[in-house]
Amino acid sequence: MEQNRKRGRPSAVERNSRRRHILDVASELFARGGFGATTIEAIAVEASVAKRTIYSYFGDKTGVFTAAVDQQHSTLTETLEGFEDLDVVAARIIYTMHSEKAVALHRLVIAEAGRMPRLAAAFYEHGPARSITLLRSRLSAQEQSPAPEMAEALYSLLLGEHHRRRLLGLSPAPTAEESREYARQAIAALCFSHADPID
């Protein structure tokens, strides 16, 4: 009897895998139908899990959405672990934030922000704010780069008009090579704008 209970209890690895799967499914459904039209039941059916599993992991639908955004930025941070080079970090932020999934979640939040300020606040805290913190840490660690307090300005430059066009569906996601070039231009522009004035 005890052996059966142990066999039925998922391991930490299995729980994490299931959690990631639920969030991947939820992100697709949010992107396809919007926040309001996506239900916990629909996520549960599509992910082949019980509704109570979703509630136990995330609390409610806003919790699911917040976790999906958080997962995206956690993956970004994990990918960049050990990389101190600002160019590499900036290019990866561009590549990730201009991806189809990131753009879809961003569009969703813009559409819902007026009605659901809690959702918008959660998105900012678990999304852009984390990227800005990541940039600040790299600016602090790297010599001959803009001051750490310029992290917010750099993040704005990394998204810029390219990201606006992505949100409007006017341009495709950049390639890895294009992301590196956009990052180089953004860093150069920030360094130039804060260079010592010429006497």
N, C-alpha and C. Protein backbone atom coordinates (compact mmCIF):
# COMPACT_ATOMS: atom_id res chain seq x y z
N MET A 1 0.82 -1.21 0.00
CA MET A 1 0.00 0.00 0.00
C MET A 1 0.86 1.25 0.00
N GLU A 2 1.84 1.31 0.93
CA GLU A 2 2.75 2.45 1.02
C GLU A 2 3.55 2.60 -0.29
N GLN A 3 3.91 1.43 -0.86
CA GLN A 3 4.67 1.43 -2.10
C GLN A 3 3.86 2.04 -3.23
N ASN A 4 2.56 1.75 -3.29
CA ASN A 4 1.69 2.30 -4.32
C ASN A 4 1.57 3.81 -4.20
N ARG A 5 1.48 4.29 -2.95
CA ARG A 5 1.38 5.73 -2.74
C ARG A 5 2.64 6.43 -3.22
N LYS A 6 3.78 5.83 -2.94
CA LYS A 6 5.04 6.44 -3.35
C LYS A 6 5.15 6.47 -4.87
N ARG A 7 4.68 5.37 -5.51
CA ARG A 7 4.76 5.30 -6.95
C ARG A 7 3.86 6.37 -7.58
N GLY A 8 2.71 6.66 -6.94
CA GLY A 8 1.76 7.62 -7.50
C GLY A 8 2.14 9.07 -7.27
N ARG A 9 3.09 9.31 -6.39
CA ARG A 9 3.47 10.69 -6.06
C ARG A 9 4.52 11.16 -7.05
N PRO A 10 4.26 12.23 -7.84
CA PRO A 10 5.23 12.69 -8.84
C PRO A 10 6.50 13.24 -8.18
N SER A 11 7.62 13.00 -8.82
CA SER A 11 8.89 13.53 -8.33
C SER A 11 8.97 15.03 -8.63
N ALA A 12 9.97 15.68 -8.06
CA ALA A 12 10.16 17.12 -8.30
C ALA A 12 10.40 17.39 -9.79
N VAL A 13 11.16 16.50 -10.43
CA VAL A 13 11.43 16.65 -11.86
C VAL A 13 10.14 16.55 -12.66
N GLU A 14 9.30 15.56 -12.30
CA GLU A 14 8.03 15.38 -12.99
C GLU A 14 7.11 16.58 -12.77
N ARG A 15 7.10 17.10 -11.55
CA ARG A 15 6.26 18.28 -11.26
C ARG A 15 6.72 19.48 -12.08
N ASN A 16 8.02 19.69 -12.14
CA ASN A 16 8.55 20.81 -12.92
C ASN A 16 8.24 20.66 -14.40
N SER A 17 8.36 19.43 -14.89
CA SER A 17 8.06 19.16 -16.30
C SER A 17 6.58 19.41 -16.59
N ARG A 18 5.72 18.96 -15.69
CA ARG A 18 4.27 19.17 -15.86
C ARG A 18 3.95 20.66 -15.80
N ARG A 19 4.60 21.35 -14.88
CA ARG A 19 4.36 22.79 -14.74
C ARG A 19 4.74 23.54 -16.02
N ARG A 20 5.89 23.19 -16.58
CA ARG A 20 6.34 23.82 -17.82
C ARG A 20 5.37 23.52 -18.96
N HIS A 21 4.89 22.28 -19.01
CA HIS A 21 3.96 21.89 -20.06
C HIS A 21 2.66 22.70 -19.96
N ILE A 22 2.15 22.84 -18.75
CA ILE A 22 0.92 23.62 -18.54
C ILE A 22 1.12 25.06 -19.01
N LEU A 23 2.27 25.64 -18.67
CA LEU A 23 2.53 27.03 -19.05
C LEU A 23 2.71 27.19 -20.55
N ASP A 24 3.32 26.20 -21.19
CA ASP A 24 3.46 26.25 -22.65
C ASP A 24 2.09 26.21 -23.31
N VAL A 25 1.24 25.33 -22.82
CA VAL A 25 -0.13 25.22 -23.35
C VAL A 25 -0.90 26.50 -23.10
N ALA A 26 -0.81 27.02 -21.87
CA ALA A 26 -1.53 28.24 -21.52
C ALA A 26 -1.08 29.42 -22.39
N SER A 27 0.21 29.54 -22.63
CA SER A 27 0.72 30.63 -23.47
C SER A 27 0.11 30.56 -24.87
N GLU A 28 0.02 29.36 -25.42
CA GLU A 28 -0.57 29.18 -26.75
C GLU A 28 -2.03 29.58 -26.74
N LEU A 29 -2.77 29.17 -25.71
CA LEU A 29 -4.19 29.49 -25.64
C LEU A 29 -4.42 30.98 -25.42
N PHE A 30 -3.62 31.58 -24.56
CA PHE A 30 -3.73 33.04 -24.34
C PHE A 30 -3.48 33.78 -25.65
N ALA A 31 -2.44 33.37 -26.37
CA ALA A 31 -2.08 34.04 -27.62
C ALA A 31 -3.18 33.88 -28.66
N ARG A 32 -3.80 32.71 -28.67
CA ARG A 32 -4.81 32.41 -29.68
C ARG A 32 -6.16 33.06 -29.37
N GLY A 33 -6.57 33.03 -28.11
CA GLY A 33 -7.93 33.49 -27.78
C GLY A 33 -8.03 34.71 -26.89
N GLY A 34 -6.88 35.18 -26.36
CA GLY A 34 -6.93 36.31 -25.44
C GLY A 34 -7.10 35.85 -24.01
N PHE A 35 -6.93 36.75 -23.08
CA PHE A 35 -6.99 36.40 -21.66
C PHE A 35 -8.42 36.05 -21.24
N GLY A 36 -9.37 36.89 -21.62
CA GLY A 36 -10.75 36.70 -21.18
C GLY A 36 -11.36 35.40 -21.68
N ALA A 37 -11.05 35.03 -22.91
CA ALA A 37 -11.66 33.85 -23.51
C ALA A 37 -10.98 32.55 -23.11
N THR A 38 -9.82 32.64 -22.51
CA THR A 38 -9.08 31.43 -22.09
C THR A 38 -9.48 31.06 -20.68
N THR A 39 -9.97 29.87 -20.49
CA THR A 39 -10.42 29.42 -19.17
C THR A 39 -9.45 28.39 -18.58
N ILE A 40 -9.52 28.26 -17.27
CA ILE A 40 -8.73 27.23 -16.59
C ILE A 40 -9.12 25.85 -17.12
N GLU A 41 -10.41 25.66 -17.38
CA GLU A 41 -10.88 24.38 -17.90
C GLU A 41 -10.25 24.08 -19.26
N ALA A 42 -10.20 25.08 -20.14
CA ALA A 42 -9.60 24.88 -21.46
C ALA A 42 -8.13 24.54 -21.35
N ILE A 43 -7.43 25.21 -20.45
CA ILE A 43 -6.00 24.92 -20.24
C ILE A 43 -5.83 23.49 -19.73
N ALA A 44 -6.70 23.10 -18.78
CA ALA A 44 -6.62 21.75 -18.21
C ALA A 44 -6.85 20.68 -19.27
N VAL A 45 -7.86 20.89 -20.11
CA VAL A 45 -8.18 19.92 -21.16
C VAL A 45 -7.02 19.81 -22.15
N GLU A 46 -6.52 20.96 -22.59
CA GLU A 46 -5.45 20.97 -23.59
C GLU A 46 -4.15 20.38 -23.04
N ALA A 47 -3.91 20.60 -21.74
CA ALA A 47 -2.68 20.11 -21.11
C ALA A 47 -2.83 18.70 -20.55
N SER A 48 -4.06 18.17 -20.61
CA SER A 48 -4.35 16.82 -20.09
C SER A 48 -4.04 16.69 -18.60
N VAL A 49 -4.49 17.70 -17.84
CA VAL A 49 -4.34 17.66 -16.39
C VAL A 49 -5.68 18.03 -15.77
N ALA A 50 -5.81 17.79 -14.47
CA ALA A 50 -7.02 18.16 -13.75
C ALA A 50 -6.99 19.67 -13.44
N LYS A 51 -8.17 20.26 -13.37
CA LYS A 51 -8.24 21.69 -13.03
C LYS A 51 -7.60 21.95 -11.67
N ARG A 52 -7.79 21.03 -10.75
CA ARG A 52 -7.24 21.24 -9.40
C ARG A 52 -5.71 21.30 -9.43
N THR A 53 -5.11 20.61 -10.42
CA THR A 53 -3.65 20.67 -10.55
C THR A 53 -3.21 22.09 -10.90
N ILE A 54 -3.94 22.71 -11.80
CA ILE A 54 -3.61 24.09 -12.20
C ILE A 54 -3.80 25.03 -11.03
N TYR A 55 -4.92 24.87 -10.31
CA TYR A 55 -5.17 25.74 -9.15
C TYR A 55 -4.10 25.54 -8.08
N SER A 56 -3.66 24.29 -7.89
CA SER A 56 -2.65 24.03 -6.85
C SER A 56 -1.29 24.63 -7.23
N TYR A 57 -0.99 24.67 -8.54
CA TYR A 57 0.28 25.23 -8.99
C TYR A 57 0.26 26.77 -9.04
N PHE A 58 -0.86 27.33 -9.51
CA PHE A 58 -0.84 28.75 -9.87
C PHE A 58 -1.90 29.62 -9.17
N GLY A 59 -2.84 29.03 -8.50
CA GLY A 59 -3.82 29.83 -7.77
C GLY A 59 -5.04 30.21 -8.59
N ASP A 60 -4.83 30.98 -9.66
CA ASP A 60 -5.93 31.39 -10.53
C ASP A 60 -5.38 31.68 -11.92
N LYS A 61 -6.24 32.18 -12.80
CA LYS A 61 -5.82 32.39 -14.19
C LYS A 61 -4.75 33.48 -14.29
N THR A 62 -4.86 34.54 -13.49
CA THR A 62 -3.83 35.57 -13.50
C THR A 62 -2.50 34.97 -13.04
N GLY A 63 -2.57 34.05 -12.09
CA GLY A 63 -1.36 33.36 -11.64
C GLY A 63 -0.73 32.53 -12.74
N VAL A 64 -1.58 31.91 -13.58
CA VAL A 64 -1.06 31.14 -14.71
C VAL A 64 -0.35 32.06 -15.69
N PHE A 65 -0.99 33.19 -16.00
CA PHE A 65 -0.39 34.13 -16.95
C PHE A 65 0.92 34.69 -16.42
N THR A 66 0.92 35.10 -15.15
CA THR A 66 2.14 35.63 -14.53
C THR A 66 3.26 34.61 -14.56
N ALA A 67 2.93 33.36 -14.27
CA ALA A 67 3.93 32.29 -14.29
C ALA A 67 4.47 32.06 -15.69
N ALA A 68 3.61 32.22 -16.71
CA ALA A 68 4.06 32.05 -18.09
C ALA A 68 5.08 33.12 -18.47
N VAL A 69 4.81 34.36 -18.05
CA VAL A 69 5.75 35.46 -18.31
C VAL A 69 7.03 35.23 -17.52
N ASP A 70 6.88 34.81 -16.27
CA ASP A 70 8.02 34.56 -15.40
C ASP A 70 8.91 33.45 -15.97
N GLN A 71 8.27 32.40 -16.50
CA GLN A 71 9.02 31.30 -17.09
C GLN A 71 9.86 31.76 -18.27
N GLN A 72 9.28 32.63 -19.08
CA GLN A 72 10.00 33.15 -20.25
C GLN A 72 11.26 33.90 -19.82
N HIS A 73 11.13 34.73 -18.81
CA HIS A 73 12.28 35.53 -18.36
C HIS A 73 13.25 34.68 -17.54
N SER A 74 12.74 33.67 -16.84
CA SER A 74 13.64 32.76 -16.12
C SER A 74 14.51 31.99 -17.10
N THR A 75 13.89 31.56 -18.20
CA THR A 75 14.64 30.85 -19.24
C THR A 75 15.71 31.75 -19.83
N LEU A 76 15.36 33.01 -20.04
CA LEU A 76 16.32 33.99 -20.56
C LEU A 76 17.50 34.14 -19.60
N THR A 77 17.20 34.30 -18.32
CA THR A 77 18.24 34.47 -17.31
C THR A 77 19.14 33.23 -17.22
N GLU A 78 18.50 32.05 -17.24
CA GLU A 78 19.27 30.80 -17.17
C GLU A 78 20.19 30.65 -18.38
N THR A 79 19.67 31.03 -19.55
CA THR A 79 20.46 30.93 -20.79
C THR A 79 21.70 31.80 -20.71
N LEU A 80 21.59 32.94 -20.02
CA LEU A 80 22.69 33.90 -19.98
C LEU A 80 23.57 33.75 -18.75
N GLU A 81 23.32 32.72 -17.94
CA GLU A 81 24.14 32.51 -16.76
C GLU A 81 25.60 32.28 -17.17
N GLY A 82 26.48 33.04 -16.57
CA GLY A 82 27.90 32.90 -16.89
C GLY A 82 28.37 33.86 -17.97
N PHE A 83 27.42 34.47 -18.70
CA PHE A 83 27.80 35.44 -19.73
C PHE A 83 27.84 36.84 -19.12
N GLU A 84 29.01 37.45 -19.10
CA GLU A 84 29.13 38.80 -18.58
C GLU A 84 29.12 39.85 -19.69
N ASP A 85 29.37 39.43 -20.92
CA ASP A 85 29.47 40.36 -22.04
C ASP A 85 28.12 41.03 -22.30
N LEU A 86 28.10 42.35 -22.23
CA LEU A 86 26.87 43.12 -22.39
C LEU A 86 26.26 42.90 -23.78
N ASP A 87 27.10 42.79 -24.80
CA ASP A 87 26.60 42.57 -26.16
C ASP A 87 25.79 41.27 -26.25
N VAL A 88 26.29 40.22 -25.62
CA VAL A 88 25.63 38.91 -25.66
C VAL A 88 24.28 38.98 -24.94
N VAL A 89 24.27 39.60 -23.76
CA VAL A 89 23.04 39.72 -22.97
C VAL A 89 22.01 40.54 -23.73
N ALA A 90 22.43 41.67 -24.27
CA ALA A 90 21.51 42.55 -24.98
C ALA A 90 20.93 41.87 -26.22
N ALA A 91 21.76 41.15 -26.96
CA ALA A 91 21.28 40.45 -28.16
C ALA A 91 20.26 39.39 -27.80
N ARG A 92 20.51 38.68 -26.69
CA ARG A 92 19.58 37.63 -26.29
C ARG A 92 18.24 38.21 -25.84
N ILE A 93 18.28 39.36 -25.17
CA ILE A 93 17.04 40.01 -24.76
C ILE A 93 16.22 40.39 -26.00
N ILE A 94 16.88 40.94 -27.00
CA ILE A 94 16.18 41.31 -28.24
C ILE A 94 15.57 40.07 -28.88
N TYR A 95 16.35 39.02 -29.01
CA TYR A 95 15.89 37.81 -29.68
C TYR A 95 14.68 37.21 -28.95
N THR A 96 14.72 37.22 -27.62
CA THR A 96 13.64 36.64 -26.82
C THR A 96 12.39 37.52 -26.81
N MET A 97 12.59 38.82 -26.60
CA MET A 97 11.45 39.73 -26.47
C MET A 97 10.73 40.00 -27.80
N HIS A 98 11.41 39.72 -28.91
CA HIS A 98 10.78 39.88 -30.22
C HIS A 98 10.23 38.56 -30.76
N SER A 99 10.31 37.50 -29.96
CA SER A 99 9.81 36.19 -30.40
C SER A 99 8.29 36.21 -30.49
N GLU A 100 7.74 35.23 -31.20
CA GLU A 100 6.29 35.16 -31.37
C GLU A 100 5.58 35.05 -30.03
N LYS A 101 6.08 34.19 -29.13
CA LYS A 101 5.43 34.01 -27.84
C LYS A 101 5.45 35.28 -27.00
N ALA A 102 6.61 35.94 -26.93
CA ALA A 102 6.73 37.16 -26.13
C ALA A 102 5.84 38.27 -26.67
N VAL A 103 5.81 38.42 -27.98
CA VAL A 103 4.99 39.46 -28.60
C VAL A 103 3.51 39.18 -28.37
N ALA A 104 3.11 37.92 -28.47
CA ALA A 104 1.70 37.56 -28.24
C ALA A 104 1.27 37.90 -26.81
N LEU A 105 2.12 37.59 -25.82
CA LEU A 105 1.80 37.90 -24.43
C LEU A 105 1.75 39.41 -24.20
N HIS A 106 2.65 40.13 -24.85
CA HIS A 106 2.69 41.59 -24.72
C HIS A 106 1.41 42.21 -25.29
N ARG A 107 0.99 41.75 -26.46
CA ARG A 107 -0.24 42.25 -27.07
C ARG A 107 -1.44 42.00 -26.15
N LEU A 108 -1.46 40.81 -25.56
CA LEU A 108 -2.56 40.45 -24.68
C LEU A 108 -2.65 41.41 -23.49
N VAL A 109 -1.51 41.71 -22.89
CA VAL A 109 -1.50 42.60 -21.72
C VAL A 109 -1.95 44.01 -22.11
N ILE A 110 -1.49 44.49 -23.26
CA ILE A 110 -1.91 45.81 -23.71
C ILE A 110 -3.43 45.86 -23.88
N ALA A 111 -3.99 44.80 -24.43
CA ALA A 111 -5.44 44.75 -24.65
C ALA A 111 -6.22 44.71 -23.34
N GLU A 112 -5.65 44.09 -22.30
CA GLU A 112 -6.37 43.90 -21.04
C GLU A 112 -5.99 44.90 -19.95
N ALA A 113 -4.94 45.69 -20.16
CA ALA A 113 -4.39 46.53 -19.08
C ALA A 113 -5.41 47.48 -18.47
N GLY A 114 -6.26 48.09 -19.30
CA GLY A 114 -7.25 49.04 -18.78
C GLY A 114 -8.23 48.39 -17.83
N ARG A 115 -8.64 47.17 -18.15
CA ARG A 115 -9.61 46.46 -17.31
C ARG A 115 -8.95 45.71 -16.17
N MET A 116 -7.71 45.31 -16.37
CA MET A 116 -7.05 44.46 -15.38
C MET A 116 -5.67 44.99 -15.01
N PRO A 117 -5.64 46.06 -14.23
CA PRO A 117 -4.34 46.64 -13.84
C PRO A 117 -3.45 45.66 -13.08
N ARG A 118 -4.05 44.71 -12.35
CA ARG A 118 -3.25 43.71 -11.63
C ARG A 118 -2.47 42.85 -12.61
N LEU A 119 -3.10 42.50 -13.71
CA LEU A 119 -2.44 41.70 -14.73
C LEU A 119 -1.28 42.47 -15.34
N ALA A 120 -1.52 43.75 -15.65
CA ALA A 120 -0.48 44.59 -16.24
C ALA A 120 0.71 44.75 -15.29
N ALA A 121 0.40 44.97 -14.00
CA ALA A 121 1.47 45.13 -13.01
C ALA A 121 2.29 43.85 -12.87
N ALA A 122 1.60 42.71 -12.87
CA ALA A 122 2.30 41.42 -12.76
C ALA A 122 3.18 41.18 -13.98
N PHE A 123 2.66 41.52 -15.15
CA PHE A 123 3.44 41.36 -16.38
C PHE A 123 4.72 42.20 -16.32
N TYR A 124 4.59 43.45 -15.88
CA TYR A 124 5.77 44.32 -15.83
C TYR A 124 6.78 43.81 -14.81
N GLU A 125 6.29 43.40 -13.64
CA GLU A 125 7.19 42.94 -12.58
C GLU A 125 7.95 41.68 -12.99
N HIS A 126 7.24 40.75 -13.63
CA HIS A 126 7.85 39.46 -13.98
C HIS A 126 8.48 39.46 -15.37
N GLY A 127 8.26 40.54 -16.13
CA GLY A 127 8.80 40.63 -17.48
C GLY A 127 9.86 41.71 -17.62
N PRO A 128 9.47 42.90 -18.11
CA PRO A 128 10.45 43.97 -18.33
C PRO A 128 11.33 44.30 -17.12
N ALA A 129 10.74 44.34 -15.93
CA ALA A 129 11.54 44.70 -14.75
C ALA A 129 12.68 43.71 -14.52
N ARG A 130 12.44 42.43 -14.81
CA ARG A 130 13.49 41.43 -14.64
C ARG A 130 14.60 41.60 -15.68
N SER A 131 14.22 41.94 -16.90
CA SER A 131 15.23 42.18 -17.93
C SER A 131 16.07 43.40 -17.60
N ILE A 132 15.43 44.43 -17.08
CA ILE A 132 16.15 45.65 -16.70
C ILE A 132 17.14 45.34 -15.57
N THR A 133 16.71 44.54 -14.60
CA THR A 133 17.60 44.13 -13.51
C THR A 133 18.80 43.35 -14.04
N LEU A 134 18.54 42.48 -15.02
CA LEU A 134 19.61 41.70 -15.64
C LEU A 134 20.61 42.62 -16.33
N LEU A 135 20.12 43.60 -17.07
CA LEU A 135 20.99 44.57 -17.73
C LEU A 135 21.79 45.38 -16.71
N ARG A 136 21.13 45.76 -15.63
CA ARG A 136 21.81 46.56 -14.60
C ARG A 136 22.99 45.78 -14.01
N SER A 137 22.79 44.48 -13.80
CA SER A 137 23.87 43.67 -13.22
C SER A 137 25.05 43.57 -14.19
N ARG A 138 24.77 43.49 -15.49
CA ARG A 138 25.86 43.40 -16.47
C ARG A 138 26.55 44.74 -16.64
N LEU A 139 25.80 45.82 -16.57
CA LEU A 139 26.41 47.16 -16.66
C LEU A 139 27.32 47.41 -15.46
N SER A 140 26.93 46.89 -14.31
CA SER A 140 27.75 47.05 -13.10
C SER A 140 29.05 46.25 -13.20
N ALA A 141 28.97 45.09 -13.86
CA ALA A 141 30.13 44.19 -13.90
C ALA A 141 31.12 44.52 -15.00
N GLN A 142 30.67 45.24 -16.02
CA GLN A 142 31.52 45.45 -17.19
C GLN A 142 32.14 46.84 -17.19
N GLU A 143 33.45 46.89 -17.41
CA GLU A 143 34.14 48.17 -17.47
C GLU A 143 33.86 48.86 -18.80
N GLN A 144 34.00 50.17 -18.80
CA GLN A 144 33.84 50.98 -20.01
C GLN A 144 32.48 50.77 -20.67
N SER A 145 31.45 50.68 -19.83
CA SER A 145 30.09 50.60 -20.34
C SER A 145 29.28 51.68 -19.65
N PRO A 146 28.07 52.00 -20.15
CA PRO A 146 27.26 53.01 -19.49
C PRO A 146 27.01 52.65 -18.02
N ALA A 147 26.70 53.65 -17.21
CA ALA A 147 26.46 53.43 -15.79
C ALA A 147 25.26 52.52 -15.57
N PRO A 148 25.24 51.76 -14.46
CA PRO A 148 24.14 50.84 -14.19
C PRO A 148 22.75 51.50 -14.21
N GLU A 149 22.69 52.78 -13.80
CA GLU A 149 21.39 53.46 -13.80
C GLU A 149 20.83 53.70 -15.20
N MET A 150 21.63 53.41 -16.23
CA MET A 150 21.17 53.55 -17.61
C MET A 150 20.50 52.26 -18.13
N ALA A 151 20.31 51.28 -17.26
CA ALA A 151 19.73 50.00 -17.69
C ALA A 151 18.35 50.17 -18.30
N GLU A 152 17.54 51.03 -17.71
CA GLU A 152 16.18 51.24 -18.24
C GLU A 152 16.22 51.86 -19.63
N ALA A 153 17.12 52.84 -19.81
CA ALA A 153 17.26 53.48 -21.12
C ALA A 153 17.74 52.47 -22.15
N LEU A 154 18.67 51.60 -21.75
CA LEU A 154 19.18 50.60 -22.69
C LEU A 154 18.08 49.61 -23.07
N TYR A 155 17.28 49.20 -22.10
CA TYR A 155 16.18 48.28 -22.39
C TYR A 155 15.22 48.90 -23.41
N SER A 156 14.93 50.19 -23.25
CA SER A 156 14.06 50.88 -24.21
C SER A 156 14.66 50.88 -25.61
N LEU A 157 15.96 51.08 -25.68
CA LEU A 157 16.63 51.08 -26.98
C LEU A 157 16.64 49.68 -27.60
N LEU A 158 16.77 48.66 -26.78
CA LEU A 158 16.81 47.29 -27.30
C LEU A 158 15.47 46.88 -27.92
N LEU A 159 14.37 47.39 -27.37
CA LEU A 159 13.07 47.10 -27.96
C LEU A 159 12.77 48.10 -29.08
N GLY A 160 12.65 49.37 -28.73
CA GLY A 160 12.52 50.45 -29.71
C GLY A 160 11.48 50.23 -30.79
N GLU A 161 11.74 50.81 -31.95
CA GLU A 161 10.81 50.76 -33.06
C GLU A 161 10.67 49.35 -33.64
N HIS A 162 11.73 48.57 -33.53
CA HIS A 162 11.64 47.18 -34.00
C HIS A 162 10.51 46.44 -33.27
N HIS A 163 10.46 46.64 -31.96
CA HIS A 163 9.45 45.96 -31.15
C HIS A 163 8.06 46.53 -31.43
N ARG A 164 7.96 47.83 -31.63
CA ARG A 164 6.66 48.43 -31.95
C ARG A 164 6.10 47.83 -33.24
N ARG A 165 6.99 47.69 -34.23
CA ARG A 165 6.54 47.09 -35.50
C ARG A 165 6.14 45.63 -35.31
N ARG A 166 6.83 44.93 -34.41
CA ARG A 166 6.47 43.54 -34.12
C ARG A 166 5.07 43.48 -33.49
N LEU A 167 4.81 44.37 -32.54
CA LEU A 167 3.51 44.38 -31.87
C LEU A 167 2.38 44.67 -32.86
N LEU A 168 2.68 45.47 -33.86
CA LEU A 168 1.67 45.82 -34.86
C LEU A 168 1.61 44.81 -36.00
N GLY A 169 2.45 43.80 -35.95
CA GLY A 169 2.45 42.78 -36.99
C GLY A 169 3.03 43.26 -38.31
N LEU A 170 3.90 44.26 -38.24
CA LEU A 170 4.45 44.84 -39.46
C LEU A 170 5.81 44.28 -39.86
N SER A 171 6.42 43.52 -38.98
CA SER A 171 7.74 42.97 -39.33
C SER A 171 7.93 41.62 -38.65
N PRO A 172 8.77 40.76 -39.23
CA PRO A 172 9.01 39.44 -38.63
C PRO A 172 9.98 39.53 -37.46
N ALA A 173 10.06 38.45 -36.71
CA ALA A 173 11.03 38.38 -35.61
C ALA A 173 12.44 38.44 -36.17
N PRO A 174 13.35 39.15 -35.51
CA PRO A 174 14.73 39.21 -36.01
C PRO A 174 15.45 37.89 -35.86
N THR A 175 16.39 37.64 -36.74
CA THR A 175 17.24 36.46 -36.63
C THR A 175 18.25 36.70 -35.51
N ALA A 176 18.99 35.68 -35.16
CA ALA A 176 20.03 35.82 -34.13
C ALA A 176 21.07 36.85 -34.58
N GLU A 177 21.43 36.83 -35.85
CA GLU A 177 22.42 37.78 -36.37
C GLU A 177 21.87 39.20 -36.34
N GLU A 178 20.62 39.38 -36.73
CA GLU A 178 20.01 40.71 -36.68
C GLU A 178 19.89 41.20 -35.25
N SER A 179 19.60 40.31 -34.33
CA SER A 179 19.51 40.68 -32.91
C SER A 179 20.85 41.19 -32.39
N ARG A 180 21.93 40.53 -32.81
CA ARG A 180 23.27 40.98 -32.39
C ARG A 180 23.57 42.37 -32.94
N GLU A 181 23.16 42.63 -34.18
CA GLU A 181 23.42 43.93 -34.79
C GLU A 181 22.57 45.02 -34.13
N TYR A 182 21.30 44.72 -33.84
CA TYR A 182 20.45 45.70 -33.14
C TYR A 182 21.03 46.02 -31.76
N ALA A 183 21.53 44.99 -31.09
CA ALA A 183 22.11 45.19 -29.76
C ALA A 183 23.35 46.08 -29.84
N ARG A 184 24.21 45.81 -30.82
CA ARG A 184 25.42 46.61 -31.00
C ARG A 184 25.06 48.08 -31.24
N GLN A 185 24.07 48.33 -32.08
CA GLN A 185 23.65 49.69 -32.38
C GLN A 185 23.08 50.39 -31.14
N ALA A 186 22.26 49.66 -30.37
CA ALA A 186 21.65 50.24 -29.17
C ALA A 186 22.70 50.63 -28.14
N ILE A 187 23.67 49.74 -27.91
CA ILE A 187 24.72 50.02 -26.93
C ILE A 187 25.59 51.19 -27.40
N ALA A 188 25.89 51.21 -28.70
CA ALA A 188 26.69 52.31 -29.26
C ALA A 188 25.95 53.64 -29.11
N ALA A 189 24.64 53.64 -29.37
CA ALA A 189 23.84 54.86 -29.26
C ALA A 189 23.82 55.36 -27.82
N LEU A 190 23.69 54.43 -26.87
CA LEU A 190 23.65 54.83 -25.45
C LEU A 190 25.00 55.37 -25.01
N CYS A 191 26.08 54.72 -25.44
CA CYS A 191 27.42 55.19 -25.08
C CYS A 191 27.67 56.58 -25.66
N PHE A 192 27.24 56.78 -26.90
CA PHE A 192 27.45 58.07 -27.56
C PHE A 192 26.65 59.17 -26.88
N SER A 193 25.41 58.88 -26.51
CA SER A 193 24.55 59.92 -25.93
C SER A 193 25.01 60.34 -24.55
N HIS A 194 25.83 59.50 -23.88
CA HIS A 194 26.32 59.84 -22.55
C HIS A 194 27.83 60.00 -22.50
N ALA A 195 28.40 60.23 -23.66
CA ALA A 195 29.84 60.50 -23.71
C ALA A 195 30.11 61.89 -23.14
N ASP A 196 31.35 62.09 -22.70
CA ASP A 196 31.72 63.41 -22.20
C ASP A 196 31.62 64.44 -23.31
N PRO A 197 31.01 65.59 -23.02
CA PRO A 197 30.88 66.62 -24.06
C PRO A 197 32.24 67.12 -24.54
N ILE A 198 32.31 67.45 -25.81
CA ILE A 198 33.55 67.97 -26.39
C ILE A 198 33.70 69.44 -26.03
N ASP A 199 34.88 69.82 -25.53
CA ASP A 199 35.12 71.23 -25.16
C ASP A 199 35.23 72.10 -26.41
